[in-house]
Amino acid sequence: MPATRSTHLRRGLAVVASLPLLALAACGYGSDSKDDSSGQQKVAAGAEKIDGLDSVKIGYFGNLTHGTALVGVNKGFFQKALGATDAKYQIFNAGPSEIEALNSGAIDIGWIGPSPSINGYTKSDGKSLRIIGGSASGGVKLVVNPKKIKSLDDVKGKKIATPQLGNTQDVAFLNWIAEKGWKVDAESGKGDVSVIRTDNKVTPDAYKSGSIDGAWVPEPTASKLVAEGAKVLLDEADLWPDKKFVITNIIVSQKFLAAHPKAVEAVLKASVDTNKWINANPDAAKAAANAQLKADSGKELPAEVLDPAWKSITFTDDPLASTLNTEAAHAVKAGLLEKPKLDGIYDLTLLNKVLAAEGGTAVADAGLGAK
């Protein structure tokens, strides 16, 4: 029986739907996969190796929505928690390459977005990874040319960029369009709104040239557009209960989790300690994140971009599991993803152990926890 157009779309987007971090990281920071030793801290005298490991390999993106990782590296939280076991880092620009690295053992633990987590889990029939913690919420905005768009209704008929066909922001925008009662073909982006898939690296230039009228994009791209004269028309956080939705979470190889739970617990403790420090020292944390961006890539963000971008991101240990489920449902509704089986994608046991030890509140897995 010949494949239908819808079947081709879903097959083609099985990979594309896994690319939120391509958008998040496509801001010129780092490379697709770069070994990085910047931010390495000296091992404390008398420290011991955890689980007998020489190293734990950690992946992240050079982006503000990965601020927990950036600050944790820069301030030495990971190395402190791991003792004499070296914290080694790799920086990625695309979700699929980080998932491949996790599957191959090139990294053990990674900071990554919801769509590649879902895709990596479902493509492996639930055998490759677990989400073990949260990291960040928010940091996504609809920014527009104020001369052309003055209200949400004015978005109809305009050209709006998203980072990638089927990525997290693309799905969110398509869902918003549908809730407005407008029609857009998900594959082509044509309809009552023209959805223009544009790499974040070139979105500011596309805006300056007038080839797009706005964009639904993550930080710092949104603030880069504002620096070019765009206005924030909508903060995606306003569409979610309590203004929270997952933008970055922490994943681990199931093999590594089973073999080295003490090392995983140490990294989670470092993440919790980092988030606590970030929230207690927002200005110093912002500076540390920017310093790590510069150390990793030679580039730092100017204050007019850094300040509003950082302010719009919430750093949290809670993976906000119910919102991951909702984001997956939006992708299915848009026709970009077959209904995924997410049972078992979370294992928050070690995170909740760490939180309990520090007097914190346990976080929930929305019924999607490993049995």
Protein backbone atom coordinates (compact mmCIF):
# COMPACT_ATOMS: atom_id res chain seq x y z
CA MET A 1 0.00 0.00 0.00
CA PRO A 2 1.57 3.34 -1.01
CA ALA A 3 2.54 5.69 1.78
CA THR A 4 0.29 8.71 2.20
CA ARG A 5 1.54 12.27 2.45
CA SER A 6 0.76 12.21 6.17
CA THR A 7 2.79 9.04 6.61
CA HIS A 8 5.75 10.61 4.83
CA LEU A 9 5.43 13.67 7.03
CA ARG A 10 5.45 11.71 10.25
CA ARG A 11 8.38 9.56 9.10
CA GLY A 12 10.35 12.58 8.01
CA LEU A 13 9.70 14.37 11.26
CA ALA A 14 10.62 11.45 13.47
CA VAL A 15 14.07 12.98 13.41
CA VAL A 16 13.11 16.62 12.88
CA ALA A 17 10.88 16.57 15.96
CA SER A 18 13.96 15.85 18.00
CA LEU A 19 15.66 19.15 17.26
CA PRO A 20 14.72 21.76 19.84
CA LEU A 21 18.28 22.15 20.86
CA LEU A 22 19.38 22.77 17.32
CA ALA A 23 17.29 25.89 17.63
CA LEU A 24 18.41 26.61 21.15
CA ALA A 25 22.04 26.23 20.30
CA ALA A 26 22.08 27.66 16.81
CA CYS A 27 23.30 31.01 18.09
CA GLY A 28 26.93 30.58 17.14
CA TYR A 29 28.18 28.99 20.34
CA GLY A 30 30.40 25.94 20.20
CA SER A 31 30.35 23.27 17.52
CA ASP A 32 28.27 20.18 16.84
CA SER A 33 30.35 18.22 19.29
CA LYS A 34 33.39 19.72 20.89
CA ASP A 35 35.54 18.30 23.68
CA ASP A 36 35.96 21.02 26.22
CA SER A 37 38.14 21.32 29.28
CA SER A 38 37.40 24.96 30.12
CA GLY A 39 36.05 25.44 33.59
CA GLN A 40 37.91 22.37 34.86
CA GLN A 41 38.59 22.76 38.57
CA LYS A 42 41.46 21.36 40.60
CA VAL A 43 40.58 18.23 42.55
CA ALA A 44 40.55 18.80 46.31
CA ALA A 45 43.34 17.16 48.26
CA GLY A 46 42.31 13.79 49.64
CA ALA A 47 39.30 13.48 47.33
CA GLU A 48 38.36 10.00 46.18
CA LYS A 49 37.00 8.66 42.91
CA ILE A 50 33.28 7.96 42.78
CA ASP A 51 32.35 4.40 41.80
CA GLY A 52 36.00 3.95 40.80
CA LEU A 53 35.43 6.11 37.73
CA ASP A 54 38.25 8.08 36.17
CA SER A 55 35.75 10.51 34.66
CA VAL A 56 32.11 11.38 34.11
CA LYS A 57 31.37 12.84 30.69
CA ILE A 58 28.78 15.63 30.69
CA GLY A 59 27.15 17.22 27.63
CA TYR A 60 25.45 20.58 27.34
CA PHE A 61 24.73 23.41 24.91
CA GLY A 62 26.37 26.83 24.84
CA ASN A 63 23.07 28.55 25.47
CA LEU A 64 21.51 30.46 28.34
CA THR A 65 18.70 27.94 28.70
CA HIS A 66 21.50 25.55 29.72
CA GLY A 67 22.53 28.00 32.41
CA THR A 68 22.70 25.32 35.10
CA ALA A 69 25.42 23.53 33.16
CA LEU A 70 27.24 26.73 32.22
CA VAL A 71 27.34 27.99 35.80
CA GLY A 72 28.03 24.53 37.23
CA VAL A 73 31.08 24.20 35.00
CA ASN A 74 32.30 27.75 35.55
CA LYS A 75 31.98 27.69 39.34
CA GLY A 76 33.27 24.15 39.77
CA PHE A 77 30.12 22.59 41.26
CA PHE A 78 30.38 19.42 39.16
CA GLN A 79 34.03 18.79 39.89
CA LYS A 80 33.53 19.41 43.60
CA ALA A 81 30.70 16.85 43.75
CA LEU A 82 32.67 14.26 41.76
CA GLY A 83 35.81 14.44 43.92
CA ALA A 84 38.79 12.77 42.25
CA THR A 85 36.64 11.62 39.33
CA ASP A 86 37.24 14.10 36.51
CA ALA A 87 34.29 16.08 35.20
CA LYS A 88 34.75 16.16 31.42
CA TYR A 89 32.56 18.20 29.13
CA GLN A 90 31.32 18.18 25.54
CA ILE A 91 29.42 21.05 23.96
CA PHE A 92 26.74 20.38 21.36
CA ASN A 93 24.77 22.38 18.82
CA ALA A 94 22.11 19.80 17.96
CA GLY A 95 19.86 17.50 19.95
CA PRO A 96 20.39 14.46 17.72
CA SER A 97 24.18 14.64 18.07
CA GLU A 98 23.88 14.72 21.84
CA ILE A 99 21.51 11.73 21.81
CA GLU A 100 23.94 9.87 19.55
CA ALA A 101 26.78 10.70 21.93
CA LEU A 102 24.76 9.39 24.87
CA ASN A 103 23.87 6.19 23.02
CA SER A 104 27.50 5.58 22.01
CA GLY A 105 28.91 6.27 25.47
CA ALA A 106 30.71 9.42 24.36
CA ILE A 107 28.83 11.20 27.15
CA ASP A 108 27.14 9.79 30.23
CA ILE A 109 24.83 12.62 31.29
CA GLY A 110 23.49 15.60 29.36
CA TRP A 111 21.48 18.78 29.51
CA ILE A 112 18.97 18.72 26.64
CA GLY A 113 15.50 19.87 25.61
CA PRO A 114 12.18 18.02 25.71
CA SER A 115 11.75 17.01 22.08
CA PRO A 116 15.10 15.21 21.65
CA SER A 117 14.49 13.53 25.00
CA ILE A 118 11.14 12.24 23.76
CA ASN A 119 12.53 11.23 20.39
CA GLY A 120 15.61 9.52 21.79
CA TYR A 121 13.49 7.57 24.24
CA THR A 122 10.80 6.47 21.79
CA LYS A 123 13.21 5.58 18.96
CA SER A 124 15.01 3.20 21.32
CA ASP A 125 11.76 1.64 22.55
CA GLY A 126 12.42 3.14 25.94
CA LYS A 127 15.90 1.64 26.34
CA SER A 128 18.35 4.49 25.76
CA LEU A 129 17.84 7.20 28.34
CA ARG A 130 16.01 8.47 31.39
CA ILE A 131 15.17 12.03 32.35
CA ILE A 132 16.57 12.38 35.85
CA GLY A 133 16.04 16.03 36.67
CA GLY A 134 14.94 19.47 35.63
CA SER A 135 17.05 22.48 34.76
CA ALA A 136 15.18 25.37 33.19
CA SER A 137 11.75 26.73 32.35
CA GLY A 138 10.72 29.59 30.09
CA GLY A 139 12.93 31.75 27.90
CA VAL A 140 10.73 31.59 24.77
CA LYS A 141 8.97 34.60 23.25
CA LEU A 142 7.00 35.81 20.26
CA VAL A 143 8.78 38.97 19.14
CA VAL A 144 7.53 41.08 16.26
CA ASN A 145 8.08 44.17 14.13
CA PRO A 146 5.95 46.76 15.97
CA LYS A 147 5.36 48.70 12.75
CA LYS A 148 3.62 45.69 11.17
CA ILE A 149 2.15 43.86 14.16
CA LYS A 150 0.51 45.71 17.04
CA SER A 151 -1.73 42.98 18.47
CA LEU A 152 -1.92 39.18 18.56
CA ASP A 153 -4.64 39.24 15.92
CA ASP A 154 -2.26 41.12 13.60
CA VAL A 155 -0.06 38.00 13.41
CA LYS A 156 -2.53 36.56 10.89
CA GLY A 157 -1.19 37.01 7.37
CA LYS A 158 2.35 37.73 8.55
CA LYS A 159 5.67 35.87 8.19
CA ILE A 160 6.85 34.47 11.51
CA ALA A 161 10.06 32.51 11.99
CA THR A 162 10.55 29.42 14.12
CA PRO A 163 13.94 27.73 14.52
CA GLN A 164 13.25 24.34 12.90
CA LEU A 165 10.41 22.31 11.42
CA GLY A 166 9.03 20.20 14.28
CA ASN A 167 11.25 21.66 17.00
CA THR A 168 9.87 22.68 20.40
CA GLN A 169 9.18 26.30 19.45
CA ASP A 170 7.74 25.33 16.08
CA VAL A 171 5.29 22.95 17.77
CA ALA A 172 4.34 25.60 20.33
CA PHE A 173 3.67 28.19 17.62
CA LEU A 174 1.63 25.77 15.49
CA ASN A 175 -0.42 24.89 18.56
CA TRP A 176 -1.00 28.59 19.33
CA ILE A 177 -2.07 29.20 15.72
CA ALA A 178 -4.57 26.33 15.94
CA GLU A 179 -5.99 27.68 19.19
CA LYS A 180 -6.52 31.03 17.45
CA GLY A 181 -8.66 29.17 14.92
CA TRP A 182 -6.28 29.78 12.05
CA LYS A 183 -5.14 27.13 9.55
CA VAL A 184 -1.55 26.35 8.62
CA ASP A 185 -0.14 23.32 6.82
CA ALA A 186 2.42 22.02 9.31
CA GLU A 187 4.81 20.68 6.69
CA SER A 188 4.98 23.67 4.35
CA GLY A 189 4.23 26.36 6.91
CA LYS A 190 1.74 27.93 4.51
CA GLY A 191 -1.68 29.16 5.54
CA ASP A 192 -3.25 31.94 7.55
CA VAL A 193 0.22 32.61 8.93
CA SER A 194 3.44 31.95 7.01
CA VAL A 195 5.68 29.90 9.31
CA ILE A 196 9.26 30.43 8.14
CA ARG A 197 11.74 27.88 9.51
CA THR A 198 14.95 29.82 10.03
CA ASP A 199 18.17 28.91 11.84
CA ASN A 200 18.55 31.14 14.90
CA LYS A 201 21.98 32.21 13.65
CA VAL A 202 20.39 34.03 10.73
CA THR A 203 17.04 35.07 12.26
CA PRO A 204 18.28 38.52 13.34
CA ASP A 205 19.53 39.25 9.82
CA ALA A 206 16.25 37.95 8.36
CA TYR A 207 14.41 40.34 10.65
CA LYS A 208 16.63 43.29 9.71
CA SER A 209 16.13 42.58 6.00
CA GLY A 210 12.35 42.46 6.39
CA SER A 211 12.04 38.87 5.14
CA ILE A 212 10.25 37.96 8.38
CA ASP A 213 7.85 40.04 10.47
CA GLY A 214 8.65 38.34 13.76
CA ALA A 215 9.73 35.10 15.37
CA TRP A 216 8.70 32.57 18.04
CA VAL A 217 12.15 31.84 19.42
CA PRO A 218 14.15 30.97 22.54
CA GLU A 219 16.64 33.18 24.33
CA PRO A 220 18.95 34.78 23.56
CA THR A 221 17.60 35.05 19.99
CA ALA A 222 14.45 36.81 21.20
CA SER A 223 16.48 39.48 22.99
CA LYS A 224 18.79 39.82 19.97
CA LEU A 225 15.72 40.72 17.90
CA VAL A 226 14.56 43.18 20.54
CA ALA A 227 17.98 44.81 20.33
CA GLU A 228 17.24 45.25 16.61
CA GLY A 229 13.97 47.06 17.36
CA ALA A 230 11.50 44.19 17.71
CA LYS A 231 8.97 44.10 20.53
CA VAL A 232 7.90 41.19 22.73
CA LEU A 233 4.28 40.45 21.85
CA LEU A 234 3.89 37.27 23.89
CA ASP A 235 5.94 35.37 26.45
CA GLU A 236 5.20 31.66 26.04
CA ALA A 237 5.30 31.27 29.82
CA ASP A 238 1.99 33.15 29.95
CA LEU A 239 0.33 30.24 28.11
CA TRP A 240 1.26 27.66 30.76
CA PRO A 241 -0.13 26.93 34.24
CA ASP A 242 1.95 28.78 36.84
CA LYS A 243 3.92 30.18 33.87
CA LYS A 244 6.20 27.12 33.89
CA PHE A 245 7.14 24.69 31.11
CA VAL A 246 10.19 22.55 30.52
CA ILE A 247 12.78 23.96 28.17
CA THR A 248 15.84 22.03 29.45
CA ASN A 249 16.10 18.82 31.46
CA ILE A 250 18.83 16.34 32.45
CA ILE A 251 19.16 12.93 30.83
CA VAL A 252 21.39 9.95 31.53
CA SER A 253 22.23 6.75 29.73
CA GLN A 254 20.25 3.91 31.31
CA LYS A 255 23.41 1.77 31.27
CA PHE A 256 25.38 4.42 33.13
CA LEU A 257 22.57 4.98 35.62
CA ALA A 258 22.42 1.26 36.43
CA ALA A 259 26.18 0.87 36.70
CA HIS A 260 27.10 4.12 38.48
CA PRO A 261 24.22 5.52 40.56
CA LYS A 262 26.62 7.23 42.98
CA ALA A 263 28.16 9.22 40.14
CA VAL A 264 24.72 10.17 38.83
CA GLU A 265 23.69 11.23 42.32
CA ALA A 266 26.82 13.38 42.58
CA VAL A 267 26.03 15.19 39.33
CA LEU A 268 22.44 15.73 40.46
CA LYS A 269 23.67 17.13 43.76
CA ALA A 270 25.91 19.50 41.83
CA SER A 271 22.94 20.54 39.66
CA VAL A 272 20.76 21.19 42.72
CA ASP A 273 23.56 23.15 44.40
CA THR A 274 24.13 25.13 41.20
CA ASN A 275 20.46 26.04 40.83
CA LYS A 276 20.34 27.08 44.49
CA TRP A 277 23.38 29.31 43.94
CA ILE A 278 21.95 30.75 40.71
CA ASN A 279 18.68 31.69 42.37
CA ALA A 280 20.46 33.19 45.39
CA ASN A 281 23.01 35.11 43.28
CA PRO A 282 21.27 36.03 40.00
CA ASP A 283 23.73 38.73 38.90
CA ALA A 284 26.84 36.71 39.73
CA ALA A 285 25.26 33.65 38.08
CA LYS A 286 24.46 35.60 34.93
CA ALA A 287 28.07 36.77 34.78
CA ALA A 288 29.35 33.22 35.33
CA ALA A 289 27.16 31.87 32.52
CA ASN A 290 28.38 34.56 30.16
CA ALA A 291 31.98 33.91 31.17
CA GLN A 292 31.54 30.22 30.37
CA LEU A 293 30.02 31.07 26.99
CA LYS A 294 33.14 33.08 26.24
CA ALA A 295 35.43 30.32 27.52
CA ASP A 296 33.65 27.70 25.42
CA SER A 297 33.31 29.66 22.19
CA GLY A 298 35.19 32.91 22.39
CA LYS A 299 31.88 34.79 22.33
CA GLU A 300 29.95 36.49 25.07
CA LEU A 301 26.60 38.26 24.99
CA PRO A 302 26.32 42.04 25.26
CA ALA A 303 24.40 43.35 28.26
CA GLU A 304 21.41 44.50 26.20
CA VAL A 305 20.88 40.87 25.12
CA LEU A 306 22.13 39.04 28.20
CA ASP A 307 20.10 40.92 30.82
CA PRO A 308 16.55 40.45 29.47
CA ALA A 309 17.31 36.93 28.23
CA TRP A 310 18.56 35.76 31.62
CA LYS A 311 15.66 37.39 33.43
CA SER A 312 13.12 35.39 31.42
CA ILE A 313 14.57 31.97 32.34
CA THR A 314 13.68 30.17 35.58
CA PHE A 315 16.17 27.61 36.88
CA THR A 316 14.46 24.72 38.61
CA ASP A 317 15.22 21.18 39.77
CA ASP A 318 11.66 20.15 38.88
CA PRO A 319 11.55 18.57 35.40
CA LEU A 320 7.94 19.78 35.03
CA ALA A 321 6.95 16.36 33.75
CA SER A 322 3.33 17.21 33.05
CA THR A 323 4.41 19.92 30.60
CA LEU A 324 6.63 17.47 28.70
CA ASN A 325 3.55 15.29 28.26
CA THR A 326 1.60 18.32 27.02
CA GLU A 327 4.34 19.31 24.57
CA ALA A 328 4.30 15.80 23.15
CA ALA A 329 0.50 16.00 22.79
CA HIS A 330 0.84 19.30 20.90
CA ALA A 331 3.27 17.67 18.44
CA VAL A 332 0.85 14.80 17.89
CA LYS A 333 -2.04 17.22 17.40
CA ALA A 334 -0.04 19.15 14.80
CA GLY A 335 0.66 15.92 12.91
CA LEU A 336 4.39 16.17 13.56
CA LEU A 337 4.74 13.11 15.75
CA GLU A 338 3.17 9.72 16.20
CA LYS A 339 1.68 9.34 19.67
CA PRO A 340 4.74 8.49 21.79
CA LYS A 341 4.87 5.95 24.59
CA LEU A 342 6.47 7.90 27.41
CA ASP A 343 5.89 5.50 30.29
CA GLY A 344 9.19 5.11 32.12
CA ILE A 345 10.94 8.12 30.60
CA TYR A 346 11.56 9.58 34.07
CA ASP A 347 13.54 8.24 37.00
CA LEU A 348 13.54 10.91 39.69
CA THR A 349 14.57 8.61 42.54
CA LEU A 350 18.08 10.02 42.95
CA LEU A 351 16.97 13.61 42.48
CA ASN A 352 14.36 13.26 45.19
CA LYS A 353 16.98 11.65 47.44
CA VAL A 354 19.22 14.68 46.96
CA LEU A 355 16.35 17.10 47.52
CA ALA A 356 15.29 15.30 50.70
CA ALA A 357 18.84 15.44 52.07
CA GLU A 358 18.82 19.20 51.57
CA GLY A 359 15.38 19.68 53.08
CA GLY A 360 13.72 20.22 49.72
CA THR A 361 10.38 19.06 48.33
CA ALA A 362 10.10 15.96 46.16
CA VAL A 363 9.22 16.48 42.50
CA ALA A 364 6.70 14.41 40.51
CA ASP A 365 7.00 12.40 37.30
CA ALA A 366 3.38 12.86 36.15
CA GLY A 367 2.89 9.08 36.14
CA LEU A 368 5.71 8.61 33.62
CA GLY A 369 8.28 7.18 36.02
CA ALA A 370 10.29 3.99 35.57
CA LYS A 371 8.86 1.02 37.44
